[in-house]
């Protein structure tokens, strides 16, 4: 693993969250399947990811992913804004997820990411 983070985050829709809970594995959202890897974000990248890809969506969940449990399937690659993002080349098993929480918003509509700390 070349990134410095040991935890990354996956944004899930309600139906994706249900699939993960039912199947104990997540194969990826449509964009993940099209790109050939599962997109994750670090804690510092998550707000921008939500703004860019999930604005005005409700019923979202955030899954905290233990990257060390995924081993060699995690690749840190340059993406948006020249930043390194963790990408998972393979399925995301439930056993690599340390917690899942429903995404709440502050009164002004800003995603409440205080639960990350």
N, C-alpha and C. Protein backbone atom coordinates (compact mmCIF):
# COMPACT_ATOMS: atom_id res chain seq x y z
N UNK A 1 0.87 -1.17 0.00
CA UNK A 1 0.00 0.00 0.00
C UNK A 1 0.91 1.22 0.00
N UNK A 2 0.70 2.13 -0.94
CA UNK A 2 1.57 3.30 -1.01
C UNK A 2 0.96 4.54 -0.39
N UNK A 3 -0.34 4.53 -0.10
CA UNK A 3 -0.97 5.66 0.56
C UNK A 3 -0.65 5.62 2.05
N UNK A 4 -0.89 6.73 2.71
CA UNK A 4 -0.60 6.80 4.14
C UNK A 4 -1.81 6.47 5.00
N UNK A 5 -2.95 6.38 4.40
CA UNK A 5 -4.20 6.12 5.13
C UNK A 5 -4.42 4.62 5.27
N UNK A 6 -4.96 4.21 6.40
CA UNK A 6 -5.32 2.80 6.57
C UNK A 6 -6.83 2.60 6.46
N UNK A 7 -7.59 3.70 6.48
CA UNK A 7 -9.04 3.65 6.31
C UNK A 7 -9.44 4.55 5.17
N UNK A 8 -10.33 4.06 4.34
CA UNK A 8 -10.92 4.86 3.26
C UNK A 8 -12.42 4.66 3.33
N UNK A 9 -13.15 5.39 2.48
CA UNK A 9 -14.60 5.42 2.58
C UNK A 9 -15.25 5.19 1.22
N UNK A 10 -16.34 4.44 1.25
CA UNK A 10 -17.14 4.18 0.07
C UNK A 10 -18.54 4.73 0.31
N UNK A 11 -19.00 5.56 -0.61
CA UNK A 11 -20.37 6.08 -0.55
C UNK A 11 -21.28 5.06 -1.23
N UNK A 12 -22.34 4.70 -0.54
CA UNK A 12 -23.28 3.71 -1.04
C UNK A 12 -24.69 4.28 -1.08
N UNK A 13 -25.42 3.96 -2.13
CA UNK A 13 -26.84 4.27 -2.14
C UNK A 13 -27.54 3.27 -1.23
N UNK A 14 -28.78 3.51 -0.96
CA UNK A 14 -29.55 2.61 -0.11
C UNK A 14 -29.59 1.20 -0.69
N UNK A 15 -29.83 1.09 -1.98
CA UNK A 15 -29.91 -0.25 -2.59
C UNK A 15 -28.53 -0.93 -2.60
N UNK A 16 -27.46 -0.17 -2.78
CA UNK A 16 -26.11 -0.76 -2.72
C UNK A 16 -25.80 -1.23 -1.31
N UNK A 17 -26.21 -0.45 -0.32
CA UNK A 17 -26.03 -0.84 1.07
C UNK A 17 -26.78 -2.13 1.36
N UNK A 18 -28.01 -2.23 0.87
CA UNK A 18 -28.80 -3.44 1.06
C UNK A 18 -28.13 -4.65 0.42
N UNK A 19 -27.58 -4.47 -0.76
CA UNK A 19 -26.89 -5.54 -1.46
C UNK A 19 -25.67 -6.00 -0.67
N UNK A 20 -24.90 -5.06 -0.16
CA UNK A 20 -23.73 -5.38 0.66
C UNK A 20 -24.13 -6.20 1.89
N UNK A 21 -25.18 -5.77 2.57
CA UNK A 21 -25.61 -6.48 3.77
C UNK A 21 -26.13 -7.88 3.43
N UNK A 22 -26.85 -8.00 2.35
CA UNK A 22 -27.44 -9.28 1.95
C UNK A 22 -26.36 -10.26 1.45
N UNK A 23 -25.50 -9.77 0.54
CA UNK A 23 -24.54 -10.65 -0.12
C UNK A 23 -23.20 -10.76 0.60
N UNK A 24 -22.97 -9.87 1.58
CA UNK A 24 -21.71 -9.83 2.34
C UNK A 24 -20.52 -9.45 1.47
N UNK A 25 -20.82 -8.88 0.30
CA UNK A 25 -19.79 -8.42 -0.62
C UNK A 25 -20.41 -7.36 -1.53
N UNK A 26 -19.59 -6.42 -1.96
CA UNK A 26 -20.05 -5.38 -2.88
C UNK A 26 -19.13 -5.41 -4.10
N UNK A 27 -19.72 -5.65 -5.26
CA UNK A 27 -18.95 -5.75 -6.50
C UNK A 27 -18.71 -4.39 -7.15
N UNK A 28 -19.44 -3.37 -6.71
CA UNK A 28 -19.23 -2.03 -7.24
C UNK A 28 -20.49 -1.39 -7.76
N UNK A 29 -20.47 -0.06 -7.75
CA UNK A 29 -21.52 0.74 -8.35
C UNK A 29 -21.33 0.72 -9.87
N UNK A 30 -22.31 1.20 -10.63
CA UNK A 30 -22.14 1.21 -12.08
C UNK A 30 -20.84 1.88 -12.54
N UNK A 31 -20.45 2.99 -11.93
CA UNK A 31 -19.21 3.66 -12.33
C UNK A 31 -17.99 2.80 -12.00
N UNK A 32 -18.05 2.07 -10.88
CA UNK A 32 -16.95 1.17 -10.52
C UNK A 32 -16.81 0.05 -11.55
N UNK A 33 -17.94 -0.54 -11.89
CA UNK A 33 -17.92 -1.64 -12.85
C UNK A 33 -17.41 -1.16 -14.21
N UNK A 34 -17.80 0.05 -14.61
CA UNK A 34 -17.34 0.60 -15.89
C UNK A 34 -15.85 0.88 -15.88
N UNK A 35 -15.33 1.34 -14.74
CA UNK A 35 -13.91 1.70 -14.64
C UNK A 35 -13.02 0.51 -14.30
N UNK A 36 -13.59 -0.58 -13.83
CA UNK A 36 -12.81 -1.77 -13.52
C UNK A 36 -12.24 -1.81 -12.12
N UNK A 37 -12.66 -0.90 -11.25
CA UNK A 37 -12.22 -0.89 -9.86
C UNK A 37 -13.24 -0.14 -9.01
N UNK A 38 -13.20 -0.38 -7.71
CA UNK A 38 -14.11 0.30 -6.79
C UNK A 38 -13.44 1.57 -6.30
N UNK A 39 -14.12 2.69 -6.51
CA UNK A 39 -13.62 4.00 -6.10
C UNK A 39 -13.82 4.19 -4.60
N UNK A 40 -12.76 4.56 -3.90
CA UNK A 40 -12.84 4.94 -2.49
C UNK A 40 -12.28 6.35 -2.34
N UNK A 41 -12.54 6.96 -1.21
CA UNK A 41 -12.01 8.28 -0.88
C UNK A 41 -11.43 8.25 0.52
N UNK A 42 -10.39 9.04 0.73
CA UNK A 42 -9.87 9.21 2.09
C UNK A 42 -10.81 10.16 2.83
N UNK A 43 -10.60 10.30 4.11
CA UNK A 43 -11.44 11.20 4.91
C UNK A 43 -11.36 12.64 4.37
N UNK A 44 -10.17 13.06 3.96
CA UNK A 44 -10.02 14.43 3.46
C UNK A 44 -10.59 14.63 2.06
N UNK A 45 -10.83 13.56 1.33
CA UNK A 45 -11.39 13.63 -0.02
C UNK A 45 -12.89 13.43 -0.06
N UNK A 46 -13.47 12.95 1.03
CA UNK A 46 -14.86 12.51 1.02
C UNK A 46 -15.86 13.64 0.74
N UNK A 47 -15.67 14.80 1.34
CA UNK A 47 -16.61 15.91 1.12
C UNK A 47 -16.66 16.29 -0.36
N UNK A 48 -15.51 16.36 -1.00
CA UNK A 48 -15.48 16.70 -2.43
C UNK A 48 -16.12 15.61 -3.28
N UNK A 49 -15.90 14.36 -2.91
CA UNK A 49 -16.52 13.24 -3.63
C UNK A 49 -18.04 13.33 -3.52
N UNK A 50 -18.54 13.60 -2.32
CA UNK A 50 -19.98 13.73 -2.13
C UNK A 50 -20.54 14.88 -2.96
N UNK A 51 -19.84 16.01 -2.96
CA UNK A 51 -20.29 17.18 -3.70
C UNK A 51 -20.29 16.93 -5.21
N UNK A 52 -19.25 16.28 -5.68
CA UNK A 52 -19.09 16.08 -7.13
C UNK A 52 -20.00 14.98 -7.68
N UNK A 53 -20.17 13.90 -6.92
CA UNK A 53 -20.86 12.73 -7.47
C UNK A 53 -22.21 12.40 -6.83
N UNK A 54 -22.50 13.00 -5.67
CA UNK A 54 -23.71 12.61 -4.95
C UNK A 54 -24.55 13.80 -4.49
N UNK A 55 -24.33 14.96 -5.08
CA UNK A 55 -25.08 16.16 -4.68
C UNK A 55 -26.57 15.93 -4.85
N UNK A 56 -27.32 16.38 -3.88
CA UNK A 56 -28.79 16.30 -3.88
C UNK A 56 -29.35 14.89 -3.81
N UNK A 57 -28.51 13.90 -3.51
CA UNK A 57 -29.02 12.55 -3.32
C UNK A 57 -29.27 12.33 -1.83
N UNK A 58 -30.31 11.61 -1.52
CA UNK A 58 -30.61 11.29 -0.13
C UNK A 58 -30.52 9.78 0.06
N UNK A 59 -30.58 9.35 1.30
CA UNK A 59 -30.54 7.93 1.59
C UNK A 59 -29.18 7.30 1.37
N UNK A 60 -28.12 8.09 1.52
CA UNK A 60 -26.78 7.57 1.30
C UNK A 60 -26.19 7.01 2.59
N UNK A 61 -25.26 6.08 2.40
CA UNK A 61 -24.52 5.49 3.50
C UNK A 61 -23.03 5.65 3.21
N UNK A 62 -22.25 5.73 4.29
CA UNK A 62 -20.80 5.78 4.17
C UNK A 62 -20.24 4.54 4.85
N UNK A 63 -19.45 3.77 4.12
CA UNK A 63 -18.81 2.59 4.66
C UNK A 63 -17.34 2.89 4.90
N UNK A 64 -16.88 2.66 6.13
CA UNK A 64 -15.46 2.80 6.46
C UNK A 64 -14.77 1.48 6.12
N UNK A 65 -13.74 1.56 5.30
CA UNK A 65 -13.08 0.37 4.78
C UNK A 65 -11.66 0.29 5.34
N UNK A 66 -11.33 -0.85 5.93
CA UNK A 66 -9.98 -1.11 6.43
C UNK A 66 -9.14 -1.58 5.25
N UNK A 67 -8.29 -0.70 4.76
CA UNK A 67 -7.52 -1.00 3.55
C UNK A 67 -6.53 -2.14 3.77
N UNK A 68 -6.04 -2.28 4.98
CA UNK A 68 -5.08 -3.36 5.25
C UNK A 68 -5.72 -4.73 5.07
N UNK A 69 -7.01 -4.84 5.33
CA UNK A 69 -7.70 -6.13 5.15
C UNK A 69 -7.85 -6.49 3.68
N UNK A 70 -7.70 -5.51 2.80
CA UNK A 70 -7.85 -5.76 1.36
C UNK A 70 -6.53 -6.10 0.69
N UNK A 71 -5.44 -5.87 1.38
CA UNK A 71 -4.12 -6.26 0.87
C UNK A 71 -3.78 -5.68 -0.48
N UNK A 72 -3.32 -6.55 -1.35
CA UNK A 72 -2.80 -6.15 -2.67
C UNK A 72 -3.88 -5.69 -3.64
N UNK A 73 -5.16 -5.83 -3.29
CA UNK A 73 -6.21 -5.38 -4.21
C UNK A 73 -6.33 -3.86 -4.20
N UNK A 74 -5.71 -3.18 -3.21
CA UNK A 74 -5.76 -1.72 -3.14
C UNK A 74 -4.58 -1.12 -3.89
N UNK A 75 -4.89 -0.22 -4.80
CA UNK A 75 -3.87 0.52 -5.54
C UNK A 75 -4.15 2.01 -5.35
N UNK A 76 -3.12 2.76 -5.00
CA UNK A 76 -3.24 4.22 -4.86
C UNK A 76 -2.88 4.82 -6.21
N UNK A 77 -3.84 5.53 -6.80
CA UNK A 77 -3.64 6.06 -8.15
C UNK A 77 -4.03 7.53 -8.22
N UNK A 78 -3.33 8.24 -9.09
CA UNK A 78 -3.61 9.65 -9.30
C UNK A 78 -4.95 9.79 -10.00
N UNK A 79 -5.76 10.68 -9.48
CA UNK A 79 -7.08 10.93 -10.05
C UNK A 79 -7.39 12.41 -9.92
N UNK A 80 -8.60 12.73 -9.55
CA UNK A 80 -9.11 14.09 -9.48
C UNK A 80 -8.12 15.05 -8.82
N UNK A 81 -7.79 16.12 -9.53
CA UNK A 81 -6.93 17.16 -8.98
C UNK A 81 -5.51 16.71 -8.69
N UNK A 82 -5.08 15.62 -9.30
CA UNK A 82 -3.73 15.13 -9.07
C UNK A 82 -3.55 14.41 -7.73
N UNK A 83 -4.65 14.17 -7.03
CA UNK A 83 -4.58 13.49 -5.74
C UNK A 83 -4.51 11.97 -5.92
N UNK A 84 -3.89 11.30 -4.95
CA UNK A 84 -3.89 9.84 -4.94
C UNK A 84 -5.17 9.37 -4.25
N UNK A 85 -5.87 8.47 -4.93
CA UNK A 85 -7.09 7.88 -4.39
C UNK A 85 -6.89 6.38 -4.26
N UNK A 86 -7.48 5.76 -3.23
CA UNK A 86 -7.44 4.31 -3.13
C UNK A 86 -8.50 3.68 -4.04
N UNK A 87 -8.05 2.75 -4.85
CA UNK A 87 -8.94 2.01 -5.75
C UNK A 87 -8.81 0.53 -5.41
N UNK A 88 -9.93 -0.15 -5.38
CA UNK A 88 -9.95 -1.58 -5.05
C UNK A 88 -10.19 -2.37 -6.33
N UNK A 89 -9.22 -3.20 -6.69
CA UNK A 89 -9.33 -4.05 -7.87
C UNK A 89 -9.81 -5.42 -7.43
N UNK A 90 -11.11 -5.54 -7.30
CA UNK A 90 -11.75 -6.76 -6.85
C UNK A 90 -12.97 -6.39 -6.04
N UNK A 91 -13.68 -7.37 -5.55
CA UNK A 91 -14.87 -7.09 -4.75
C UNK A 91 -14.49 -6.53 -3.38
N UNK A 92 -15.44 -5.83 -2.79
CA UNK A 92 -15.28 -5.27 -1.45
C UNK A 92 -16.07 -6.16 -0.48
N UNK A 93 -15.37 -6.99 0.30
CA UNK A 93 -16.08 -7.88 1.22
C UNK A 93 -16.54 -7.14 2.48
N UNK A 94 -17.65 -7.57 3.01
CA UNK A 94 -18.18 -6.97 4.23
C UNK A 94 -17.17 -7.04 5.37
N UNK A 95 -16.35 -8.07 5.41
CA UNK A 95 -15.38 -8.23 6.49
C UNK A 95 -14.30 -7.14 6.49
N UNK A 96 -14.16 -6.40 5.39
CA UNK A 96 -13.19 -5.30 5.32
C UNK A 96 -13.81 -3.97 5.76
N UNK A 97 -15.10 -3.99 6.02
CA UNK A 97 -15.81 -2.76 6.42
C UNK A 97 -15.93 -2.75 7.94
N UNK A 98 -15.38 -1.68 8.53
CA UNK A 98 -15.35 -1.60 9.99
C UNK A 98 -16.61 -0.96 10.56
N UNK A 99 -17.27 -0.12 9.78
CA UNK A 99 -18.55 0.46 10.21
C UNK A 99 -19.24 1.11 9.03
N UNK A 100 -20.54 1.23 9.14
CA UNK A 100 -21.36 1.88 8.12
C UNK A 100 -22.29 2.83 8.85
N UNK A 101 -22.43 4.03 8.32
CA UNK A 101 -23.36 4.97 8.93
C UNK A 101 -24.16 5.68 7.86
N UNK A 102 -25.39 6.02 8.22
CA UNK A 102 -26.25 6.78 7.32
C UNK A 102 -25.71 8.21 7.26
N UNK A 103 -25.62 8.76 6.08
CA UNK A 103 -25.11 10.13 5.92
C UNK A 103 -26.19 11.12 6.32
N UNK A 104 -25.87 11.93 7.30
CA UNK A 104 -26.75 13.00 7.76
C UNK A 104 -26.24 14.33 7.21
N UNK A 105 -27.09 15.33 7.22
CA UNK A 105 -26.70 16.66 6.75
C UNK A 105 -26.96 17.69 7.84
N UNK A 106 -26.09 18.71 7.87
CA UNK A 106 -26.29 19.84 8.78
C UNK A 106 -27.50 20.63 8.32
N UNK A 107 -27.92 21.61 9.12
CA UNK A 107 -29.09 22.42 8.79
C UNK A 107 -28.92 23.15 7.46
N UNK A 108 -27.69 23.47 7.09
CA UNK A 108 -27.46 24.18 5.83
C UNK A 108 -27.33 23.23 4.64
N UNK A 109 -27.51 21.93 4.87
CA UNK A 109 -27.44 20.95 3.79
C UNK A 109 -26.07 20.34 3.58
N UNK A 110 -25.09 20.78 4.35
CA UNK A 110 -23.73 20.24 4.23
C UNK A 110 -23.68 18.84 4.85
N UNK A 111 -23.05 17.88 4.16
CA UNK A 111 -22.93 16.55 4.75
C UNK A 111 -22.20 16.62 6.10
N UNK A 112 -22.73 15.94 7.09
CA UNK A 112 -22.11 15.90 8.41
C UNK A 112 -21.11 14.75 8.45
N UNK A 113 -19.84 15.09 8.34
CA UNK A 113 -18.80 14.08 8.34
C UNK A 113 -18.07 14.02 9.67
N UNK A 114 -18.66 14.62 10.70
CA UNK A 114 -18.03 14.60 12.03
C UNK A 114 -17.92 13.17 12.58
N UNK A 115 -18.72 12.26 12.07
CA UNK A 115 -18.67 10.88 12.54
C UNK A 115 -17.39 10.18 12.11
N UNK A 116 -16.64 10.78 11.19
CA UNK A 116 -15.39 10.17 10.75
C UNK A 116 -14.31 10.29 11.81
N UNK A 117 -14.41 11.31 12.66
CA UNK A 117 -13.35 11.52 13.65
C UNK A 117 -13.64 10.85 14.96
